Amino acid sequence: MGRELGAVPVWGSWVSICAKTQEIIITLHAPPPLLPGIKRMTSLKIVGVTVSSNLCVSEHVRQVVSRCAQSLHALRILRSRGMDDNALKLVYKSVVLTKLTCCQCLVGIYHGG
């Protein structure tokens, strides 16, 4: 495996992507040495989910809750300006509910209907 990892910087410089490349190491053992030109991160956003190097998603949950709180505040303003309940429900389902359920198939925690 060391030989393959050693080829990454060569390949990356060839295609000019190392400046954008980031890695996250998920291991129970000592992490491998740093690769030149590749930034090692403690968390990354992968397919819309922020994952930390210890496979914790609490940062992702905090981000989702914060975005939902902002959207709920906007819904409160819309209600105070006279938007009817059916329209509010449609906006809620379109904006807030999609944020909460976007990764349900990945984590398997949503059991609602």
N, C-alpha and C. Protein backbone atom coordinates (compact mmCIF):
# COMPACT_ATOMS: atom_id res chain seq x y z
N MET A 1 0.82 -1.19 0.00
CA MET A 1 0.00 0.00 0.00
C MET A 1 0.86 1.26 0.00
N GLY A 2 2.04 1.20 0.60
CA GLY A 2 2.93 2.36 0.64
C GLY A 2 3.32 2.84 -0.74
N ARG A 3 3.51 1.91 -1.66
CA ARG A 3 3.90 2.28 -3.02
C ARG A 3 2.77 3.05 -3.72
N GLU A 4 1.53 2.61 -3.50
CA GLU A 4 0.39 3.30 -4.10
C GLU A 4 0.25 4.71 -3.55
N LEU A 5 0.41 4.85 -2.21
CA LEU A 5 0.32 6.18 -1.61
C LEU A 5 1.44 7.08 -2.09
N GLY A 6 2.61 6.52 -2.31
CA GLY A 6 3.73 7.31 -2.80
C GLY A 6 3.49 7.85 -4.20
N ALA A 7 2.65 7.18 -4.98
CA ALA A 7 2.36 7.62 -6.35
C ALA A 7 1.34 8.74 -6.40
N VAL A 8 0.60 8.97 -5.31
CA VAL A 8 -0.45 9.99 -5.32
C VAL A 8 0.09 11.38 -5.62
N PRO A 9 1.15 11.84 -4.95
CA PRO A 9 1.65 13.19 -5.27
C PRO A 9 2.11 13.32 -6.72
N VAL A 10 2.71 12.28 -7.27
CA VAL A 10 3.16 12.33 -8.67
C VAL A 10 1.94 12.47 -9.57
N TRP A 11 0.94 11.64 -9.36
CA TRP A 11 -0.27 11.71 -10.15
C TRP A 11 -0.95 13.06 -9.96
N GLY A 12 -1.03 13.54 -8.71
CA GLY A 12 -1.68 14.80 -8.42
C GLY A 12 -1.01 15.98 -9.08
N SER A 13 0.32 16.00 -9.09
CA SER A 13 1.00 17.11 -9.75
C SER A 13 0.81 17.03 -11.25
N TRP A 14 0.68 15.83 -11.76
CA TRP A 14 0.48 15.65 -13.19
C TRP A 14 -0.86 16.21 -13.63
N VAL A 15 -1.89 16.04 -12.82
CA VAL A 15 -3.21 16.54 -13.19
C VAL A 15 -3.56 17.84 -12.48
N SER A 16 -2.63 18.41 -11.75
CA SER A 16 -2.79 19.72 -11.09
C SER A 16 -3.98 19.79 -10.15
N ILE A 17 -4.15 18.78 -9.30
CA ILE A 17 -5.26 18.83 -8.35
C ILE A 17 -4.81 18.83 -6.90
N CYS A 18 -3.54 18.66 -6.64
CA CYS A 18 -3.10 18.57 -5.25
C CYS A 18 -3.45 19.81 -4.45
N ALA A 19 -3.53 20.96 -5.09
CA ALA A 19 -3.87 22.19 -4.36
C ALA A 19 -5.28 22.11 -3.79
N LYS A 20 -6.17 21.33 -4.41
CA LYS A 20 -7.55 21.20 -3.96
C LYS A 20 -7.77 19.94 -3.14
N THR A 21 -6.82 19.04 -3.14
CA THR A 21 -7.02 17.73 -2.54
C THR A 21 -6.86 17.78 -1.02
N GLN A 22 -7.80 17.12 -0.35
CA GLN A 22 -7.75 16.98 1.09
C GLN A 22 -7.94 15.50 1.41
N GLU A 23 -7.41 15.11 2.55
CA GLU A 23 -7.59 13.73 2.98
C GLU A 23 -8.05 13.71 4.42
N ILE A 24 -8.73 12.63 4.75
CA ILE A 24 -9.11 12.37 6.13
C ILE A 24 -8.68 10.94 6.42
N ILE A 25 -8.04 10.74 7.54
CA ILE A 25 -7.54 9.42 7.92
C ILE A 25 -8.46 8.87 9.00
N ILE A 26 -9.02 7.70 8.73
CA ILE A 26 -9.87 7.02 9.70
C ILE A 26 -9.20 5.70 10.01
N THR A 27 -8.59 5.63 11.19
CA THR A 27 -7.84 4.43 11.55
C THR A 27 -7.75 4.29 13.06
N LEU A 28 -7.58 3.08 13.52
CA LEU A 28 -7.35 2.84 14.94
C LEU A 28 -5.85 2.82 15.25
N HIS A 29 -5.05 2.80 14.20
CA HIS A 29 -3.60 2.72 14.34
C HIS A 29 -2.98 4.09 14.08
N ALA A 30 -1.69 4.16 14.15
CA ALA A 30 -0.99 5.42 13.86
C ALA A 30 -1.25 5.80 12.40
N PRO A 31 -1.56 7.07 12.13
CA PRO A 31 -1.84 7.47 10.75
C PRO A 31 -0.58 7.40 9.89
N PRO A 32 -0.76 7.19 8.60
CA PRO A 32 0.40 7.16 7.70
C PRO A 32 1.02 8.55 7.61
N PRO A 33 2.24 8.64 7.09
CA PRO A 33 2.87 9.95 6.96
C PRO A 33 2.09 10.86 6.01
N LEU A 34 2.27 12.16 6.21
CA LEU A 34 1.62 13.14 5.35
C LEU A 34 2.11 13.00 3.92
N LEU A 35 1.22 13.19 2.98
CA LEU A 35 1.59 13.19 1.57
C LEU A 35 1.89 14.63 1.16
N PRO A 36 2.95 14.86 0.42
CA PRO A 36 3.29 16.23 0.03
C PRO A 36 2.18 16.86 -0.82
N GLY A 37 1.82 18.07 -0.47
CA GLY A 37 0.84 18.82 -1.25
C GLY A 37 -0.61 18.47 -0.96
N ILE A 38 -0.87 17.54 -0.05
CA ILE A 38 -2.23 17.15 0.28
C ILE A 38 -2.50 17.52 1.73
N LYS A 39 -3.56 18.28 1.94
CA LYS A 39 -3.88 18.77 3.27
C LYS A 39 -4.67 17.72 4.05
N ARG A 40 -4.21 17.39 5.24
CA ARG A 40 -4.90 16.43 6.10
C ARG A 40 -5.89 17.18 6.97
N MET A 41 -7.13 16.71 6.97
CA MET A 41 -8.21 17.36 7.70
C MET A 41 -8.69 16.47 8.84
N THR A 42 -9.27 17.09 9.86
CA THR A 42 -9.88 16.31 10.94
C THR A 42 -11.34 16.02 10.63
N SER A 43 -11.93 16.78 9.70
CA SER A 43 -13.29 16.50 9.24
C SER A 43 -13.42 16.97 7.79
N LEU A 44 -14.29 16.28 7.06
CA LEU A 44 -14.55 16.61 5.66
C LEU A 44 -16.03 16.49 5.38
N LYS A 45 -16.49 17.25 4.41
CA LYS A 45 -17.86 17.11 3.96
C LYS A 45 -17.84 16.14 2.78
N ILE A 46 -18.48 14.99 2.96
CA ILE A 46 -18.51 13.95 1.95
C ILE A 46 -19.96 13.68 1.60
N VAL A 47 -20.32 13.89 0.35
CA VAL A 47 -21.69 13.71 -0.13
C VAL A 47 -22.68 14.48 0.77
N GLY A 48 -22.30 15.68 1.15
CA GLY A 48 -23.18 16.54 1.93
C GLY A 48 -23.19 16.28 3.43
N VAL A 49 -22.42 15.30 3.90
CA VAL A 49 -22.38 14.98 5.32
C VAL A 49 -20.99 15.28 5.86
N THR A 50 -20.91 16.06 6.92
CA THR A 50 -19.64 16.36 7.55
C THR A 50 -19.28 15.20 8.47
N VAL A 51 -18.14 14.56 8.18
CA VAL A 51 -17.68 13.40 8.94
C VAL A 51 -16.33 13.74 9.54
N SER A 52 -16.14 13.39 10.81
CA SER A 52 -14.86 13.63 11.45
C SER A 52 -14.00 12.37 11.36
N SER A 53 -12.74 12.52 11.70
CA SER A 53 -11.80 11.40 11.59
C SER A 53 -12.11 10.27 12.57
N ASN A 54 -12.94 10.53 13.58
CA ASN A 54 -13.35 9.46 14.49
C ASN A 54 -14.77 8.98 14.18
N LEU A 55 -15.23 9.28 12.96
CA LEU A 55 -16.55 8.88 12.44
C LEU A 55 -17.72 9.46 13.23
N CYS A 56 -17.50 10.58 13.86
CA CYS A 56 -18.54 11.28 14.60
C CYS A 56 -19.23 12.27 13.65
N VAL A 57 -20.54 12.35 13.72
CA VAL A 57 -21.27 13.27 12.86
C VAL A 57 -21.89 14.42 13.64
N SER A 58 -21.42 14.65 14.87
CA SER A 58 -22.00 15.71 15.69
C SER A 58 -21.82 17.09 15.05
N GLU A 59 -20.72 17.33 14.36
CA GLU A 59 -20.52 18.61 13.67
C GLU A 59 -21.58 18.77 12.58
N HIS A 60 -21.86 17.69 11.85
CA HIS A 60 -22.89 17.72 10.82
C HIS A 60 -24.26 18.03 11.43
N VAL A 61 -24.57 17.38 12.55
CA VAL A 61 -25.86 17.61 13.22
C VAL A 61 -25.97 19.06 13.65
N ARG A 62 -24.90 19.63 14.22
CA ARG A 62 -24.93 21.04 14.63
C ARG A 62 -25.20 21.95 13.43
N GLN A 63 -24.57 21.67 12.29
CA GLN A 63 -24.77 22.48 11.09
C GLN A 63 -26.21 22.39 10.59
N VAL A 64 -26.76 21.18 10.58
CA VAL A 64 -28.14 21.00 10.12
C VAL A 64 -29.11 21.70 11.05
N VAL A 65 -28.93 21.56 12.35
CA VAL A 65 -29.81 22.21 13.32
C VAL A 65 -29.75 23.73 13.16
N SER A 66 -28.56 24.26 12.94
CA SER A 66 -28.41 25.71 12.76
C SER A 66 -29.15 26.18 11.50
N ARG A 67 -28.99 25.45 10.40
CA ARG A 67 -29.68 25.84 9.16
C ARG A 67 -31.19 25.72 9.31
N CYS A 68 -31.65 24.69 10.00
CA CYS A 68 -33.10 24.53 10.22
C CYS A 68 -33.64 25.64 11.11
N ALA A 69 -32.89 26.04 12.13
CA ALA A 69 -33.33 27.13 13.01
C ALA A 69 -33.49 28.42 12.22
N GLN A 70 -32.58 28.67 11.29
CA GLN A 70 -32.69 29.87 10.45
C GLN A 70 -33.95 29.80 9.58
N SER A 71 -34.21 28.62 9.02
CA SER A 71 -35.39 28.46 8.18
C SER A 71 -36.67 28.58 8.99
N LEU A 72 -36.68 28.04 10.21
CA LEU A 72 -37.87 28.16 11.05
C LEU A 72 -38.13 29.61 11.44
N HIS A 73 -37.07 30.36 11.64
CA HIS A 73 -37.23 31.80 11.93
C HIS A 73 -37.89 32.48 10.74
N ALA A 74 -37.45 32.15 9.54
CA ALA A 74 -38.07 32.73 8.33
C ALA A 74 -39.54 32.34 8.23
N LEU A 75 -39.88 31.09 8.62
CA LEU A 75 -41.28 30.66 8.61
C LEU A 75 -42.11 31.46 9.61
N ARG A 76 -41.53 31.75 10.77
CA ARG A 76 -42.25 32.56 11.77
C ARG A 76 -42.55 33.96 11.21
N ILE A 77 -41.59 34.50 10.48
CA ILE A 77 -41.80 35.82 9.88
C ILE A 77 -42.90 35.75 8.83
N LEU A 78 -42.87 34.69 8.01
CA LEU A 78 -43.91 34.53 6.99
C LEU A 78 -45.30 34.40 7.64
N ARG A 79 -45.38 33.66 8.75
CA ARG A 79 -46.66 33.51 9.46
C ARG A 79 -47.13 34.87 10.00
N SER A 80 -46.20 35.63 10.56
CA SER A 80 -46.58 36.94 11.12
C SER A 80 -47.03 37.91 10.03
N ARG A 81 -46.60 37.66 8.79
CA ARG A 81 -47.00 38.52 7.67
C ARG A 81 -48.27 38.01 6.98
N GLY A 82 -48.86 36.93 7.54
CA GLY A 82 -50.17 36.51 7.04
C GLY A 82 -50.18 35.31 6.11
N MET A 83 -49.07 34.61 5.93
CA MET A 83 -49.09 33.44 5.06
C MET A 83 -49.99 32.37 5.69
N ASP A 84 -50.81 31.72 4.86
CA ASP A 84 -51.75 30.73 5.41
C ASP A 84 -51.02 29.43 5.75
N ASP A 85 -51.70 28.60 6.56
CA ASP A 85 -51.08 27.38 7.10
C ASP A 85 -50.67 26.39 6.01
N ASN A 86 -51.48 26.24 4.98
CA ASN A 86 -51.14 25.29 3.91
C ASN A 86 -49.86 25.70 3.20
N ALA A 87 -49.72 26.98 2.94
CA ALA A 87 -48.49 27.47 2.28
C ALA A 87 -47.29 27.30 3.22
N LEU A 88 -47.49 27.57 4.51
CA LEU A 88 -46.41 27.39 5.48
C LEU A 88 -45.96 25.94 5.55
N LYS A 89 -46.94 25.00 5.52
CA LYS A 89 -46.59 23.58 5.53
C LYS A 89 -45.80 23.20 4.29
N LEU A 90 -46.17 23.74 3.15
CA LEU A 90 -45.45 23.45 1.90
C LEU A 90 -44.01 23.97 1.97
N VAL A 91 -43.85 25.19 2.48
CA VAL A 91 -42.50 25.75 2.63
C VAL A 91 -41.70 24.92 3.63
N TYR A 92 -42.32 24.53 4.74
CA TYR A 92 -41.64 23.70 5.75
C TYR A 92 -41.16 22.39 5.13
N LYS A 93 -42.05 21.70 4.41
CA LYS A 93 -41.67 20.43 3.80
C LYS A 93 -40.57 20.61 2.76
N SER A 94 -40.62 21.70 2.02
CA SER A 94 -39.64 21.95 0.97
C SER A 94 -38.28 22.36 1.50
N VAL A 95 -38.27 23.09 2.60
CA VAL A 95 -37.02 23.66 3.10
C VAL A 95 -36.48 22.92 4.32
N VAL A 96 -37.26 22.85 5.38
CA VAL A 96 -36.78 22.30 6.65
C VAL A 96 -36.73 20.78 6.62
N LEU A 97 -37.82 20.15 6.24
CA LEU A 97 -37.89 18.70 6.28
C LEU A 97 -36.84 18.05 5.37
N THR A 98 -36.59 18.65 4.21
CA THR A 98 -35.56 18.09 3.32
C THR A 98 -34.18 18.16 3.95
N LYS A 99 -33.91 19.21 4.72
CA LYS A 99 -32.61 19.31 5.40
C LYS A 99 -32.47 18.22 6.45
N LEU A 100 -33.57 17.91 7.12
CA LEU A 100 -33.52 16.92 8.19
C LEU A 100 -33.44 15.49 7.67
N THR A 101 -34.00 15.25 6.50
CA THR A 101 -34.08 13.87 5.99
C THR A 101 -33.15 13.60 4.81
N CYS A 102 -32.29 14.53 4.45
CA CYS A 102 -31.48 14.36 3.24
C CYS A 102 -30.54 13.16 3.32
N CYS A 103 -30.12 12.76 4.49
CA CYS A 103 -29.17 11.65 4.62
C CYS A 103 -29.78 10.43 5.29
N GLN A 104 -31.10 10.36 5.34
CA GLN A 104 -31.73 9.25 6.03
C GLN A 104 -31.36 7.90 5.45
N CYS A 105 -31.16 7.82 4.15
CA CYS A 105 -30.79 6.54 3.56
C CYS A 105 -29.36 6.15 3.91
N LEU A 106 -28.52 7.13 4.25
CA LEU A 106 -27.13 6.83 4.61
C LEU A 106 -27.00 6.36 6.04
N VAL A 107 -27.78 6.94 6.93
CA VAL A 107 -27.62 6.60 8.35
C VAL A 107 -28.73 5.71 8.89
N GLY A 108 -29.84 5.62 8.18
CA GLY A 108 -30.92 4.73 8.58
C GLY A 108 -31.58 5.06 9.89
N ILE A 109 -31.73 6.36 10.22
CA ILE A 109 -32.32 6.70 11.52
C ILE A 109 -33.73 7.26 11.38
N TYR A 110 -34.20 7.52 10.18
CA TYR A 110 -35.52 8.10 9.99
C TYR A 110 -36.54 6.98 9.88
N HIS A 111 -37.55 7.03 10.74
CA HIS A 111 -38.56 5.97 10.74
C HIS A 111 -39.96 6.55 10.53
N GLY A 112 -40.04 7.82 10.17
CA GLY A 112 -41.35 8.47 10.01
C GLY A 112 -42.00 8.12 8.69
N GLY A 113 -43.22 8.59 8.53
CA GLY A 113 -43.96 8.30 7.31
C GLY A 113 -44.27 9.51 6.52
